[in-house]
């Protein structure tokens, strides 16, 4: 149904997430983030936007991602129908893949990086994403590495139904948030890439350098 990636660049402090799916509006369903807290992804056969927000709230309260997973397991009787992952602002990660999601279901996590998918079109989707990210040029912006993760996943099989939507969320305390969504398109990853190229160049990009940020909340020029 969906695959997603959350990552943190320890050199720049940027955190980001991308997701794509064979259904509509993946960004609204899956990705949540706060530049002070971290990021979450909530997907699966019965995706829960409530859990996405809850994971951020618990990280903000000081709970570690692994502890949050354990707490959710104790309370959520439907968790086997969900797939959730988290990335803290310090780079801690955790993931849980419910057994009732449609196969192929897979995930991987390490410090600063977590990826997960379900209803995958091949058993190498997650490993292809992981292998690319681990070997990627760290001088590339995090957003560009995450876009390539989506492409690598698609080439390895993607969602078994094909893809219809894709999204990106990039957060940094000195930059305006970058929230991009392709909610319905036959080639959503390409469209997301094209949108990214447009919003990171030209007059629009220059304007984003004048708006308030977390570290400069009153900036106006």
C-alpha atoms as a PDB file:
ATOM      1  CA  UNK A   1       0.000   0.000   0.000  1.00  0.00           C
ATOM      2  CA  UNK A   2       2.723   2.469   0.959  1.00  0.00           C
ATOM      3  CA  UNK A   3       6.418   2.924   1.534  1.00  0.00           C
ATOM      4  CA  UNK A   4       8.039   5.770   3.415  1.00  0.00           C
ATOM      5  CA  UNK A   5      11.423   7.047   4.555  1.00  0.00           C
ATOM      6  CA  UNK A   6      12.307   9.293   7.498  1.00  0.00           C
ATOM      7  CA  UNK A   7      15.853  10.606   7.868  1.00  0.00           C
ATOM      8  CA  UNK A   8      18.016  13.126   9.682  1.00  0.00           C
ATOM      9  CA  UNK A   9      21.167  14.753   8.347  1.00  0.00           C
ATOM     10  CA  UNK A  10      23.459  14.972  11.400  1.00  0.00           C
ATOM     11  CA  UNK A  11      25.689  17.548   9.693  1.00  0.00           C
ATOM     12  CA  UNK A  12      22.959  20.097   8.968  1.00  0.00           C
ATOM     13  CA  UNK A  13      20.276  19.125  11.485  1.00  0.00           C
ATOM     14  CA  UNK A  14      17.717  18.802   8.699  1.00  0.00           C
ATOM     15  CA  UNK A  15      15.003  16.191   9.173  1.00  0.00           C
ATOM     16  CA  UNK A  16      12.820  14.925   6.368  1.00  0.00           C
ATOM     17  CA  UNK A  17      10.320  12.374   5.230  1.00  0.00           C
ATOM     18  CA  UNK A  18       8.955  11.066   1.952  1.00  0.00           C
ATOM     19  CA  UNK A  19       6.166   8.635   1.167  1.00  0.00           C
ATOM     20  CA  UNK A  20       4.382   7.185  -1.834  1.00  0.00           C
ATOM     21  CA  UNK A  21       1.402   4.891  -2.276  1.00  0.00           C
ATOM     22  CA  UNK A  22      -0.968   3.280  -4.742  1.00  0.00           C
ATOM     23  CA  UNK A  23      -3.848   5.339  -3.351  1.00  0.00           C
ATOM     24  CA  UNK A  24      -4.590   9.046  -2.942  1.00  0.00           C
ATOM     25  CA  UNK A  25      -3.242  11.785  -0.656  1.00  0.00           C
ATOM     26  CA  UNK A  26      -0.320   9.938   0.947  1.00  0.00           C
ATOM     27  CA  UNK A  27       1.119  13.108   2.481  1.00  0.00           C
ATOM     28  CA  UNK A  28      -2.018  13.852   4.452  1.00  0.00           C
ATOM     29  CA  UNK A  29      -2.306  10.300   5.707  1.00  0.00           C
ATOM     30  CA  UNK A  30       1.270   9.320   6.462  1.00  0.00           C
ATOM     31  CA  UNK A  31       3.729  12.123   7.237  1.00  0.00           C
ATOM     32  CA  UNK A  32       3.862  14.256  10.378  1.00  0.00           C
ATOM     33  CA  UNK A  33       6.723  16.405  11.636  1.00  0.00           C
ATOM     34  CA  UNK A  34       7.811  19.163  13.971  1.00  0.00           C
ATOM     35  CA  UNK A  35      11.178  20.880  13.684  1.00  0.00           C
ATOM     36  CA  UNK A  36      11.567  20.784  17.492  1.00  0.00           C
ATOM     37  CA  UNK A  37      10.537  17.140  17.934  1.00  0.00           C
ATOM     38  CA  UNK A  38      11.098  14.854  14.952  1.00  0.00           C
ATOM     39  CA  UNK A  39       8.976  13.003  12.415  1.00  0.00           C
ATOM     40  CA  UNK A  40       6.477  10.176  12.249  1.00  0.00           C
ATOM     41  CA  UNK A  41       4.989   8.001   9.533  1.00  0.00           C
ATOM     42  CA  UNK A  42       1.729   6.123  10.049  1.00  0.00           C
ATOM     43  CA  UNK A  43       0.537   3.838   7.266  1.00  0.00           C
ATOM     44  CA  UNK A  44      -0.820   0.350   6.641  1.00  0.00           C
ATOM     45  CA  UNK A  45      -4.112  -1.421   5.994  1.00  0.00           C
ATOM     46  CA  UNK A  46      -5.812   0.761   8.613  1.00  0.00           C
ATOM     47  CA  UNK A  47      -3.611   3.851   8.675  1.00  0.00           C
ATOM     48  CA  UNK A  48      -4.064   6.065  11.738  1.00  0.00           C
ATOM     49  CA  UNK A  49      -3.456   9.806  11.526  1.00  0.00           C
ATOM     50  CA  UNK A  50      -4.176   9.831  15.262  1.00  0.00           C
ATOM     51  CA  UNK A  51      -1.110   7.671  15.916  1.00  0.00           C
ATOM     52  CA  UNK A  52       0.998   9.925  13.719  1.00  0.00           C
ATOM     53  CA  UNK A  53       0.170  12.894  15.929  1.00  0.00           C
ATOM     54  CA  UNK A  54       0.431  10.819  19.113  1.00  0.00           C
ATOM     55  CA  UNK A  55       3.966   9.700  18.315  1.00  0.00           C
ATOM     56  CA  UNK A  56       5.086  13.314  17.942  1.00  0.00           C
ATOM     57  CA  UNK A  57       3.340  14.305  21.167  1.00  0.00           C
ATOM     58  CA  UNK A  58       5.025  11.523  23.128  1.00  0.00           C
ATOM     59  CA  UNK A  59       8.449  12.338  21.712  1.00  0.00           C
ATOM     60  CA  UNK A  60       7.832  15.954  22.694  1.00  0.00           C
ATOM     61  CA  UNK A  61       7.117  14.710  26.204  1.00  0.00           C
ATOM     62  CA  UNK A  62      10.529  13.072  26.355  1.00  0.00           C
ATOM     63  CA  UNK A  63       9.659   9.470  25.502  1.00  0.00           C
ATOM     64  CA  UNK A  64      12.105   7.531  23.321  1.00  0.00           C
ATOM     65  CA  UNK A  65      10.769   6.024  20.066  1.00  0.00           C
ATOM     66  CA  UNK A  66      11.230   2.429  21.271  1.00  0.00           C
ATOM     67  CA  UNK A  67       9.258   3.150  24.433  1.00  0.00           C
ATOM     68  CA  UNK A  68       6.489   4.776  22.394  1.00  0.00           C
ATOM     69  CA  UNK A  69       6.171   1.658  20.227  1.00  0.00           C
ATOM     70  CA  UNK A  70       5.820  -0.484  23.348  1.00  0.00           C
ATOM     71  CA  UNK A  71       3.187   1.844  24.796  1.00  0.00           C
ATOM     72  CA  UNK A  72       1.172   1.788  21.571  1.00  0.00           C
ATOM     73  CA  UNK A  73       1.346  -2.019  21.455  1.00  0.00           C
ATOM     74  CA  UNK A  74      -0.257  -2.165  24.893  1.00  0.00           C
ATOM     75  CA  UNK A  75      -3.159   0.143  23.961  1.00  0.00           C
ATOM     76  CA  UNK A  76      -3.920  -0.247  20.247  1.00  0.00           C
ATOM     77  CA  UNK A  77      -5.806  -3.466  19.544  1.00  0.00           C
ATOM     78  CA  UNK A  78      -5.676  -2.688  15.818  1.00  0.00           C
ATOM     79  CA  UNK A  79      -1.925  -2.195  15.624  1.00  0.00           C
ATOM     80  CA  UNK A  80      -1.420  -5.396  13.622  1.00  0.00           C
ATOM     81  CA  UNK A  81      -3.254  -3.610  10.784  1.00  0.00           C
ATOM     82  CA  UNK A  82      -0.900  -0.636  10.896  1.00  0.00           C
ATOM     83  CA  UNK A  83       2.738   0.203  10.185  1.00  0.00           C
ATOM     84  CA  UNK A  84       4.334   3.043  12.139  1.00  0.00           C
ATOM     85  CA  UNK A  85       7.780   4.604  12.323  1.00  0.00           C
ATOM     86  CA  UNK A  86       9.432   7.459  14.173  1.00  0.00           C
ATOM     87  CA  UNK A  87      12.526   9.639  14.027  1.00  0.00           C
ATOM     88  CA  UNK A  88      13.430  11.873  16.968  1.00  0.00           C
ATOM     89  CA  UNK A  89      15.197  15.192  16.514  1.00  0.00           C
ATOM     90  CA  UNK A  90      18.275  13.534  18.052  1.00  0.00           C
ATOM     91  CA  UNK A  91      18.196  10.764  15.424  1.00  0.00           C
ATOM     92  CA  UNK A  92      16.651   7.921  17.448  1.00  0.00           C
ATOM     93  CA  UNK A  93      14.387   5.681  15.366  1.00  0.00           C
ATOM     94  CA  UNK A  94      11.837   2.915  15.820  1.00  0.00           C
ATOM     95  CA  UNK A  95       9.425   1.026  13.584  1.00  0.00           C
ATOM     96  CA  UNK A  96       6.612  -1.499  13.954  1.00  0.00           C
ATOM     97  CA  UNK A  97       5.050  -3.477  11.109  1.00  0.00           C
ATOM     98  CA  UNK A  98       1.746  -5.141  11.933  1.00  0.00           C
ATOM     99  CA  UNK A  99       1.376  -8.742  10.804  1.00  0.00           C
ATOM    100  CA  UNK A 100      -2.077  -8.178   9.286  1.00  0.00           C
ATOM    101  CA  UNK A 101      -0.853  -5.755   6.632  1.00  0.00           C
ATOM    102  CA  UNK A 102      -0.901  -7.168   3.121  1.00  0.00           C
ATOM    103  CA  UNK A 103       2.423  -8.643   2.050  1.00  0.00           C
ATOM    104  CA  UNK A 104       5.100  -7.904   1.131  1.00  0.00           C
ATOM    105  CA  UNK A 105       5.736  -6.073   4.444  1.00  0.00           C
ATOM    106  CA  UNK A 106       9.240  -4.927   5.345  1.00  0.00           C
ATOM    107  CA  UNK A 107      11.139  -2.316   7.344  1.00  0.00           C
ATOM    108  CA  UNK A 108      14.621  -1.231   8.384  1.00  0.00           C
ATOM    109  CA  UNK A 109      15.909   1.293  10.878  1.00  0.00           C
ATOM    110  CA  UNK A 110      19.182   2.594  12.248  1.00  0.00           C
ATOM    111  CA  UNK A 111      20.336   5.863  13.773  1.00  0.00           C
ATOM    112  CA  UNK A 112      19.060   8.813  11.716  1.00  0.00           C
ATOM    113  CA  UNK A 113      17.183   6.623   9.204  1.00  0.00           C
ATOM    114  CA  UNK A 114      14.055   4.478   9.050  1.00  0.00           C
ATOM    115  CA  UNK A 115      12.124   3.066   6.104  1.00  0.00           C
ATOM    116  CA  UNK A 116       9.033   0.866   5.980  1.00  0.00           C
ATOM    117  CA  UNK A 117       6.583  -0.462   3.433  1.00  0.00           C
ATOM    118  CA  UNK A 118       3.619  -2.757   2.964  1.00  0.00           C
ATOM    119  CA  UNK A 119       1.781  -4.224  -0.030  1.00  0.00           C
ATOM    120  CA  UNK A 120       5.126  -3.959  -1.788  1.00  0.00           C
ATOM    121  CA  UNK A 121       5.663  -5.105  -5.355  1.00  0.00           C
ATOM    122  CA  UNK A 122       8.968  -6.835  -4.611  1.00  0.00           C
ATOM    123  CA  UNK A 123      11.048  -8.149  -1.736  1.00  0.00           C
ATOM    124  CA  UNK A 124      13.937  -5.775  -2.512  1.00  0.00           C
ATOM    125  CA  UNK A 125      12.049  -2.484  -2.193  1.00  0.00           C
ATOM    126  CA  UNK A 126      13.155  -1.646   1.345  1.00  0.00           C
ATOM    127  CA  UNK A 127      16.666  -3.053   0.936  1.00  0.00           C
ATOM    128  CA  UNK A 128      17.117  -1.017  -2.266  1.00  0.00           C
ATOM    129  CA  UNK A 129      16.109   2.137  -0.417  1.00  0.00           C
ATOM    130  CA  UNK A 130      18.432   1.311   2.477  1.00  0.00           C
ATOM    131  CA  UNK A 131      21.379   0.442   0.230  1.00  0.00           C
ATOM    132  CA  UNK A 132      21.038   3.653  -1.749  1.00  0.00           C
ATOM    133  CA  UNK A 133      20.752   5.867   1.319  1.00  0.00           C
ATOM    134  CA  UNK A 134      23.703   4.291   3.093  1.00  0.00           C
ATOM    135  CA  UNK A 135      25.944   4.844   0.061  1.00  0.00           C
ATOM    136  CA  UNK A 136      24.569   8.229  -1.048  1.00  0.00           C
ATOM    137  CA  UNK A 137      26.714  11.353  -1.294  1.00  0.00           C
ATOM    138  CA  UNK A 138      26.102  13.132   2.009  1.00  0.00           C
ATOM    139  CA  UNK A 139      26.909  16.458   0.337  1.00  0.00           C
ATOM    140  CA  UNK A 140      23.601  16.193  -1.514  1.00  0.00           C
ATOM    141  CA  UNK A 141      20.688  17.953   0.197  1.00  0.00           C
ATOM    142  CA  UNK A 142      18.645  15.568   2.310  1.00  0.00           C
ATOM    143  CA  UNK A 143      15.585  16.262   0.162  1.00  0.00           C
ATOM    144  CA  UNK A 144      17.368  15.067  -2.969  1.00  0.00           C
ATOM    145  CA  UNK A 145      18.553  11.898  -1.264  1.00  0.00           C
ATOM    146  CA  UNK A 146      15.030  11.189  -0.077  1.00  0.00           C
ATOM    147  CA  UNK A 147      13.610  11.713  -3.566  1.00  0.00           C
ATOM    148  CA  UNK A 148      16.106   9.201  -4.875  1.00  0.00           C
ATOM    149  CA  UNK A 149      14.998   6.767  -2.162  1.00  0.00           C
ATOM    150  CA  UNK A 150      11.485   6.904  -3.608  1.00  0.00           C
ATOM    151  CA  UNK A 151      12.851   6.287  -7.098  1.00  0.00           C
ATOM    152  CA  UNK A 152      14.968   3.355  -5.956  1.00  0.00           C
ATOM    153  CA  UNK A 153      11.971   1.837  -4.210  1.00  0.00           C
ATOM    154  CA  UNK A 154       9.825   2.208  -7.318  1.00  0.00           C
ATOM    155  CA  UNK A 155      12.463   0.576  -9.514  1.00  0.00           C
ATOM    156  CA  UNK A 156      12.574  -2.382  -7.111  1.00  0.00           C
ATOM    157  CA  UNK A 157       8.821  -2.935  -7.307  1.00  0.00           C
ATOM    158  CA  UNK A 158       7.172  -0.072  -5.440  1.00  0.00           C
ATOM    159  CA  UNK A 159       3.546  -0.609  -4.438  1.00  0.00           C
ATOM    160  CA  UNK A 160       2.115  -3.757  -6.048  1.00  0.00           C
ATOM    161  CA  UNK A 161      -0.869  -1.709  -7.311  1.00  0.00           C
ATOM    162  CA  UNK A 162       1.295   0.972  -8.921  1.00  0.00           C
ATOM    163  CA  UNK A 163       1.669   4.489  -7.519  1.00  0.00           C
ATOM    164  CA  UNK A 164      -0.834   7.362  -7.391  1.00  0.00           C
ATOM    165  CA  UNK A 165       0.476   9.867  -4.842  1.00  0.00           C
ATOM    166  CA  UNK A 166       3.756  11.011  -3.294  1.00  0.00           C
ATOM    167  CA  UNK A 167       4.791  13.541  -0.678  1.00  0.00           C
ATOM    168  CA  UNK A 168       7.769  15.194   0.982  1.00  0.00           C
ATOM    169  CA  UNK A 169       8.235  17.055   4.267  1.00  0.00           C
ATOM    170  CA  UNK A 170      11.580  18.770   5.017  1.00  0.00           C
ATOM    171  CA  UNK A 171      12.229  20.712   8.238  1.00  0.00           C
ATOM    172  CA  UNK A 172      15.168  22.824   9.446  1.00  0.00           C
ATOM    173  CA  UNK A 173      15.145  25.490  12.182  1.00  0.00           C
ATOM    174  CA  UNK A 174      16.698  28.110   9.884  1.00  0.00           C
ATOM    175  CA  UNK A 175      14.542  27.427   6.827  1.00  0.00           C
ATOM    176  CA  UNK A 176      10.892  27.606   5.875  1.00  0.00           C
ATOM    177  CA  UNK A 177       9.235  24.181   6.001  1.00  0.00           C
ATOM    178  CA  UNK A 178       9.058  22.371   2.675  1.00  0.00           C
ATOM    179  CA  UNK A 179       5.759  20.517   2.367  1.00  0.00           C
ATOM    180  CA  UNK A 180       5.134  19.050  -1.082  1.00  0.00           C
ATOM    181  CA  UNK A 181       2.292  16.774  -2.147  1.00  0.00           C
ATOM    182  CA  UNK A 182       1.209  15.103  -5.349  1.00  0.00           C
ATOM    183  CA  UNK A 183      -2.187  13.756  -4.344  1.00  0.00           C
ATOM    184  CA  UNK A 184      -3.226  12.064  -7.615  1.00  0.00           C
ATOM    185  CA  UNK A 185      -1.052  11.347 -10.654  1.00  0.00           C
ATOM    186  CA  UNK A 186      -0.037   8.321 -12.707  1.00  0.00           C
ATOM    187  CA  UNK A 187       3.644   9.189 -12.127  1.00  0.00           C
ATOM    188  CA  UNK A 188       3.666  10.882  -8.717  1.00  0.00           C
ATOM    189  CA  UNK A 189       7.378  10.531  -7.953  1.00  0.00           C
ATOM    190  CA  UNK A 190       8.396  12.292 -11.174  1.00  0.00           C
ATOM    191  CA  UNK A 191       5.842  15.012 -10.474  1.00  0.00           C
ATOM    192  CA  UNK A 192       7.132  15.398  -6.919  1.00  0.00           C
ATOM    193  CA  UNK A 193      10.664  15.758  -8.274  1.00  0.00           C
ATOM    194  CA  UNK A 194       9.533  18.411 -10.784  1.00  0.00           C
ATOM    195  CA  UNK A 195       7.702  20.306  -8.051  1.00  0.00           C
ATOM    196  CA  UNK A 196      10.783  20.142  -5.824  1.00  0.00           C
ATOM    197  CA  UNK A 197      12.930  21.604  -8.622  1.00  0.00           C
ATOM    198  CA  UNK A 198      10.488  24.481  -9.087  1.00  0.00           C
ATOM    199  CA  UNK A 199      10.157  25.442  -5.426  1.00  0.00           C
ATOM    200  CA  UNK A 200      13.915  25.335  -4.795  1.00  0.00           C
ATOM    201  CA  UNK A 201      14.762  27.807  -7.572  1.00  0.00           C
ATOM    202  CA  UNK A 202      13.706  31.187  -8.904  1.00  0.00           C
ATOM    203  CA  UNK A 203      11.646  33.918  -7.279  1.00  0.00           C
ATOM    204  CA  UNK A 204       9.646  31.571  -5.073  1.00  0.00           C
ATOM    205  CA  UNK A 205      12.785  30.105  -3.524  1.00  0.00           C
ATOM    206  CA  UNK A 206      14.210  33.582  -2.910  1.00  0.00           C
ATOM    207  CA  UNK A 207      10.966  34.589  -1.221  1.00  0.00           C
ATOM    208  CA  UNK A 208      11.143  31.602   1.149  1.00  0.00           C
ATOM    209  CA  UNK A 209      14.404  33.039   2.477  1.00  0.00           C
ATOM    210  CA  UNK A 210      12.515  36.063   3.842  1.00  0.00           C
ATOM    211  CA  UNK A 211       9.755  34.379   5.863  1.00  0.00           C
ATOM    212  CA  UNK A 212       9.833  33.498   9.587  1.00  0.00           C
ATOM    213  CA  UNK A 213      11.621  30.347  10.727  1.00  0.00           C
ATOM    214  CA  UNK A 214      11.911  28.488  14.019  1.00  0.00           C
ATOM    215  CA  UNK A 215      15.180  30.266  14.862  1.00  0.00           C
ATOM    216  CA  UNK A 216      14.045  33.631  13.457  1.00  0.00           C
ATOM    217  CA  UNK A 217      10.286  33.801  14.121  1.00  0.00           C
ATOM    218  CA  UNK A 218       9.954  37.519  13.335  1.00  0.00           C
ATOM    219  CA  UNK A 219      11.905  37.628  10.069  1.00  0.00           C
ATOM    220  CA  UNK A 220      10.247  39.588   7.285  1.00  0.00           C
ATOM    221  CA  UNK A 221      12.978  40.253   4.733  1.00  0.00           C
END
